[in-house]
Amino acid sequence: RDKRGIALDGQLKRNETTLASTTLLLDPEQRDAFGIVVSYSAKVKLYLGALNGELVAELPFILMHPKDGRAKLIHADSQADVEMFRQDTVHHQESVEVY
C-alpha cells in the first residue's frame, strides 16, 4: 500500500533531524521489505507558452547521508568529476569547426 508523507531520521524536536535516506532495493518489484520503504521524487513543470500548454514529470532521486568521516572523501570525488567534465568540454569545443 502506498502512503505519502515525510520520513525523518532522528527525533522531531531535535536539531539533528534529517529526511530519511532512500531505501535501496535489489529488485524494485520486490517491495516485501518489513518496515517502511522510503523513496523520493521531484515534480517538475515545464511551461511551453500560451498555446502549447505545459509538460509535467515526476523525477525520482536517491537521498543518502554520508557516514561521519567519509564526507571529505565524497566531496573530493565529486570535485574530480567536475574537473574531468570541464576538461572534456574544453577539448570538445576546440575541435569544433565553424564555417
N, C-alpha and C. Protein backbone atom coordinates (compact mmCIF):
# COMPACT_ATOMS: atom_id res chain seq x y z
N ARG A 1 0.85 -1.17 0.00
CA ARG A 1 0.00 0.00 0.00
C ARG A 1 0.90 1.23 0.00
N ASP A 2 0.55 2.19 -0.80
CA ASP A 2 1.34 3.43 -0.90
C ASP A 2 0.73 4.50 -0.02
N LYS A 3 1.58 5.13 0.77
CA LYS A 3 1.17 6.28 1.57
C LYS A 3 2.19 7.36 1.35
N ARG A 4 1.73 8.57 1.20
CA ARG A 4 2.64 9.70 1.00
C ARG A 4 2.78 10.46 2.30
N GLY A 5 3.99 10.91 2.57
CA GLY A 5 4.26 11.66 3.78
C GLY A 5 5.74 11.96 3.86
N ILE A 6 6.20 12.26 5.06
CA ILE A 6 7.60 12.58 5.28
C ILE A 6 8.18 11.58 6.26
N ALA A 7 9.33 10.99 5.92
CA ALA A 7 10.04 10.08 6.81
C ALA A 7 11.27 10.80 7.34
N LEU A 8 11.45 10.80 8.65
CA LEU A 8 12.55 11.53 9.27
C LEU A 8 13.49 10.58 10.00
N ASP A 9 14.79 10.91 9.98
CA ASP A 9 15.80 10.24 10.82
C ASP A 9 16.01 11.12 12.03
N GLY A 10 15.92 10.56 13.21
CA GLY A 10 16.12 11.34 14.42
C GLY A 10 14.79 11.68 15.08
N GLN A 11 14.86 12.45 16.13
CA GLN A 11 13.65 12.84 16.86
C GLN A 11 13.16 14.18 16.33
N LEU A 12 11.87 14.36 16.33
CA LEU A 12 11.25 15.52 15.72
C LEU A 12 11.65 16.84 16.36
N LYS A 13 11.89 16.86 17.66
CA LYS A 13 12.16 18.13 18.35
C LYS A 13 13.65 18.46 18.45
N ARG A 14 14.52 17.67 17.86
CA ARG A 14 15.96 17.91 17.95
C ARG A 14 16.48 18.58 16.68
N ASN A 15 17.64 19.19 16.79
CA ASN A 15 18.25 19.86 15.64
C ASN A 15 18.83 18.89 14.63
N GLU A 16 19.16 17.66 15.04
CA GLU A 16 19.79 16.69 14.15
C GLU A 16 18.79 15.96 13.26
N THR A 17 17.56 16.34 13.25
CA THR A 17 16.55 15.66 12.45
C THR A 17 16.78 15.93 10.97
N THR A 18 16.83 14.87 10.17
CA THR A 18 17.01 14.99 8.72
C THR A 18 15.99 14.11 8.02
N LEU A 19 15.84 14.30 6.72
CA LEU A 19 14.99 13.41 5.94
C LEU A 19 15.62 12.02 5.92
N ALA A 20 14.80 11.00 5.95
CA ALA A 20 15.29 9.63 5.95
C ALA A 20 15.94 9.30 4.61
N SER A 21 16.96 8.45 4.65
CA SER A 21 17.62 8.02 3.42
C SER A 21 16.69 7.13 2.62
N THR A 22 16.91 7.11 1.32
CA THR A 22 16.13 6.27 0.42
C THR A 22 16.44 4.80 0.70
N THR A 23 15.42 3.96 0.66
CA THR A 23 15.60 2.52 0.81
C THR A 23 16.04 1.96 -0.53
N LEU A 24 17.19 1.29 -0.56
CA LEU A 24 17.70 0.70 -1.79
C LEU A 24 17.26 -0.76 -1.86
N LEU A 25 16.56 -1.12 -2.92
CA LEU A 25 16.08 -2.48 -3.12
C LEU A 25 16.82 -3.11 -4.28
N LEU A 26 17.20 -4.39 -4.16
CA LEU A 26 17.86 -5.08 -5.26
C LEU A 26 16.93 -5.23 -6.45
N ASP A 27 15.68 -5.55 -6.18
CA ASP A 27 14.67 -5.70 -7.24
C ASP A 27 13.52 -4.75 -6.93
N PRO A 28 13.30 -3.72 -7.76
CA PRO A 28 12.24 -2.74 -7.47
C PRO A 28 10.84 -3.35 -7.39
N GLU A 29 10.64 -4.49 -8.03
CA GLU A 29 9.33 -5.15 -7.99
C GLU A 29 9.09 -5.84 -6.66
N GLN A 30 10.14 -6.21 -5.96
CA GLN A 30 10.02 -6.92 -4.69
C GLN A 30 10.00 -5.91 -3.56
N ARG A 31 8.82 -5.49 -3.17
CA ARG A 31 8.67 -4.49 -2.11
C ARG A 31 8.10 -5.14 -0.85
N ASP A 32 8.56 -6.37 -0.56
CA ASP A 32 8.06 -7.10 0.60
C ASP A 32 8.88 -6.82 1.86
N ALA A 33 9.68 -5.80 1.85
CA ALA A 33 10.54 -5.49 3.00
C ALA A 33 9.67 -5.13 4.20
N PHE A 34 10.10 -5.61 5.36
CA PHE A 34 9.39 -5.26 6.58
C PHE A 34 9.79 -3.84 6.98
N GLY A 35 8.84 -3.05 7.35
CA GLY A 35 9.12 -1.68 7.75
C GLY A 35 8.66 -0.70 6.69
N ILE A 36 9.35 0.40 6.60
CA ILE A 36 8.97 1.47 5.69
C ILE A 36 9.96 1.53 4.54
N VAL A 37 9.46 1.52 3.32
CA VAL A 37 10.29 1.70 2.13
C VAL A 37 10.20 3.18 1.76
N VAL A 38 11.35 3.87 1.80
CA VAL A 38 11.38 5.32 1.57
C VAL A 38 11.89 5.59 0.16
N SER A 39 11.15 6.39 -0.60
CA SER A 39 11.59 6.83 -1.92
C SER A 39 11.15 8.28 -2.11
N TYR A 40 11.89 9.01 -2.93
CA TYR A 40 11.61 10.42 -3.16
C TYR A 40 11.48 10.69 -4.65
N SER A 41 10.68 11.69 -4.98
CA SER A 41 10.60 12.17 -6.36
C SER A 41 10.30 13.66 -6.33
N ALA A 42 10.76 14.34 -7.36
CA ALA A 42 10.50 15.78 -7.50
C ALA A 42 9.58 15.98 -8.70
N LYS A 43 8.55 16.75 -8.51
CA LYS A 43 7.62 17.05 -9.60
C LYS A 43 8.10 18.31 -10.31
N VAL A 44 8.28 18.22 -11.62
CA VAL A 44 8.79 19.32 -12.42
C VAL A 44 7.74 19.71 -13.45
N LYS A 45 7.44 21.01 -13.53
CA LYS A 45 6.51 21.52 -14.53
C LYS A 45 7.26 22.42 -15.49
N LEU A 46 7.07 22.18 -16.78
CA LEU A 46 7.67 22.99 -17.82
C LEU A 46 6.55 23.67 -18.58
N TYR A 47 6.52 25.00 -18.53
CA TYR A 47 5.50 25.76 -19.24
C TYR A 47 6.01 26.06 -20.64
N LEU A 48 5.26 25.64 -21.66
CA LEU A 48 5.69 25.76 -23.04
C LEU A 48 5.06 26.95 -23.76
N GLY A 49 4.52 27.88 -23.05
CA GLY A 49 3.91 29.04 -23.67
C GLY A 49 2.40 28.95 -23.64
N ALA A 50 1.75 30.01 -24.08
CA ALA A 50 0.29 30.10 -24.00
C ALA A 50 -0.41 29.09 -24.90
N LEU A 51 0.13 28.81 -26.05
CA LEU A 51 -0.54 27.90 -26.99
C LEU A 51 -0.19 26.43 -26.77
N ASN A 52 0.99 26.15 -26.30
CA ASN A 52 1.45 24.76 -26.20
C ASN A 52 1.09 24.08 -24.89
N GLY A 53 0.79 24.83 -23.84
CA GLY A 53 0.42 24.22 -22.56
C GLY A 53 1.63 23.96 -21.69
N GLU A 54 1.61 22.82 -20.96
CA GLU A 54 2.68 22.51 -20.03
C GLU A 54 3.00 21.02 -20.07
N LEU A 55 4.19 20.70 -19.61
CA LEU A 55 4.66 19.33 -19.52
C LEU A 55 5.01 19.07 -18.06
N VAL A 56 4.48 17.99 -17.49
CA VAL A 56 4.70 17.66 -16.08
C VAL A 56 5.38 16.29 -16.00
N ALA A 57 6.42 16.20 -15.17
CA ALA A 57 7.12 14.92 -14.99
C ALA A 57 7.50 14.77 -13.52
N GLU A 58 7.49 13.53 -13.03
CA GLU A 58 8.00 13.23 -11.70
C GLU A 58 9.34 12.53 -11.86
N LEU A 59 10.38 13.12 -11.29
CA LEU A 59 11.73 12.60 -11.41
C LEU A 59 12.16 11.97 -10.09
N PRO A 60 12.38 10.65 -10.07
CA PRO A 60 12.82 10.01 -8.83
C PRO A 60 14.29 10.32 -8.56
N PHE A 61 14.65 10.42 -7.28
CA PHE A 61 16.05 10.62 -6.92
C PHE A 61 16.35 9.87 -5.63
N ILE A 62 17.63 9.62 -5.40
CA ILE A 62 18.08 8.89 -4.21
C ILE A 62 18.68 9.89 -3.24
N LEU A 63 18.23 9.85 -2.00
CA LEU A 63 18.74 10.71 -0.95
C LEU A 63 19.50 9.85 0.05
N MET A 64 20.79 10.10 0.19
CA MET A 64 21.63 9.33 1.11
C MET A 64 22.41 10.29 1.99
N HIS A 65 22.73 9.87 3.20
CA HIS A 65 23.53 10.65 4.13
C HIS A 65 24.87 9.94 4.31
N PRO A 66 26.00 10.66 4.15
CA PRO A 66 27.30 10.01 4.32
C PRO A 66 27.57 9.69 5.79
N LYS A 67 28.35 8.64 6.01
CA LYS A 67 28.79 8.33 7.37
C LYS A 67 29.78 9.40 7.80
N ASP A 68 29.88 9.62 9.10
CA ASP A 68 30.83 10.60 9.62
C ASP A 68 32.25 10.23 9.19
N GLY A 69 33.02 11.22 8.76
CA GLY A 69 34.39 10.98 8.34
C GLY A 69 34.54 10.67 6.87
N ARG A 70 33.48 10.30 6.19
CA ARG A 70 33.55 9.99 4.77
C ARG A 70 33.10 11.17 3.92
N ALA A 71 32.59 12.22 4.53
CA ALA A 71 32.09 13.37 3.78
C ALA A 71 33.20 14.01 2.96
N LYS A 72 34.41 14.10 3.51
CA LYS A 72 35.52 14.71 2.78
C LYS A 72 35.88 13.88 1.56
N LEU A 73 35.87 12.55 1.69
CA LEU A 73 36.19 11.67 0.58
C LEU A 73 35.16 11.82 -0.53
N ILE A 74 33.90 11.86 -0.18
CA ILE A 74 32.84 12.01 -1.17
C ILE A 74 32.96 13.35 -1.86
N HIS A 75 33.25 14.42 -1.12
CA HIS A 75 33.39 15.74 -1.71
C HIS A 75 34.56 15.76 -2.69
N ALA A 76 35.67 15.13 -2.34
CA ALA A 76 36.84 15.10 -3.22
C ALA A 76 36.52 14.36 -4.51
N ASP A 77 35.79 13.25 -4.43
CA ASP A 77 35.41 12.50 -5.63
C ASP A 77 34.51 13.33 -6.53
N SER A 78 33.55 14.03 -5.96
CA SER A 78 32.63 14.81 -6.78
C SER A 78 33.36 15.97 -7.46
N GLN A 79 34.34 16.57 -6.79
CA GLN A 79 35.12 17.64 -7.41
C GLN A 79 35.92 17.10 -8.59
N ALA A 80 36.46 15.89 -8.47
CA ALA A 80 37.22 15.30 -9.57
C ALA A 80 36.33 15.12 -10.79
N ASP A 81 35.09 14.70 -10.60
CA ASP A 81 34.17 14.54 -11.72
C ASP A 81 33.90 15.87 -12.40
N VAL A 82 33.76 16.94 -11.62
CA VAL A 82 33.51 18.26 -12.20
C VAL A 82 34.71 18.70 -13.02
N GLU A 83 35.91 18.53 -12.49
CA GLU A 83 37.12 18.92 -13.23
C GLU A 83 37.24 18.12 -14.52
N MET A 84 36.95 16.83 -14.48
CA MET A 84 37.02 15.99 -15.67
C MET A 84 36.01 16.47 -16.71
N PHE A 85 34.82 16.84 -16.27
CA PHE A 85 33.79 17.33 -17.18
C PHE A 85 34.25 18.62 -17.84
N ARG A 86 34.85 19.51 -17.06
CA ARG A 86 35.34 20.78 -17.62
C ARG A 86 36.40 20.53 -18.67
N GLN A 87 37.31 19.60 -18.42
CA GLN A 87 38.36 19.30 -19.40
C GLN A 87 37.77 18.74 -20.68
N ASP A 88 36.80 17.82 -20.55
CA ASP A 88 36.16 17.25 -21.73
C ASP A 88 35.46 18.32 -22.54
N THR A 89 34.80 19.25 -21.87
CA THR A 89 34.07 20.31 -22.55
C THR A 89 35.03 21.22 -23.30
N VAL A 90 36.14 21.59 -22.68
CA VAL A 90 37.11 22.47 -23.32
C VAL A 90 37.71 21.79 -24.54
N HIS A 91 38.10 20.53 -24.43
CA HIS A 91 38.69 19.82 -25.56
C HIS A 91 37.68 19.65 -26.69
N HIS A 92 36.43 19.44 -26.34
CA HIS A 92 35.39 19.26 -27.35
C HIS A 92 35.15 20.56 -28.11
N GLN A 93 35.17 21.68 -27.42
CA GLN A 93 34.93 22.97 -28.07
C GLN A 93 36.07 23.34 -29.01
N GLU A 94 37.30 22.94 -28.70
CA GLU A 94 38.43 23.26 -29.55
C GLU A 94 38.37 22.52 -30.88
N SER A 95 37.76 21.35 -30.91
CA SER A 95 37.74 20.55 -32.12
C SER A 95 36.57 20.88 -33.04
N VAL A 96 35.71 21.79 -32.65
CA VAL A 96 34.55 22.16 -33.46
C VAL A 96 34.97 23.22 -34.47
N GLU A 97 34.67 23.00 -35.74
CA GLU A 97 34.98 23.97 -36.78
C GLU A 97 33.73 24.74 -37.15
N VAL A 98 33.87 26.05 -37.34
CA VAL A 98 32.74 26.90 -37.70
C VAL A 98 32.95 27.37 -39.13
N TYR A 99 31.92 27.24 -39.98
CA TYR A 99 32.01 27.68 -41.38
C TYR A 99 31.28 28.97 -41.59
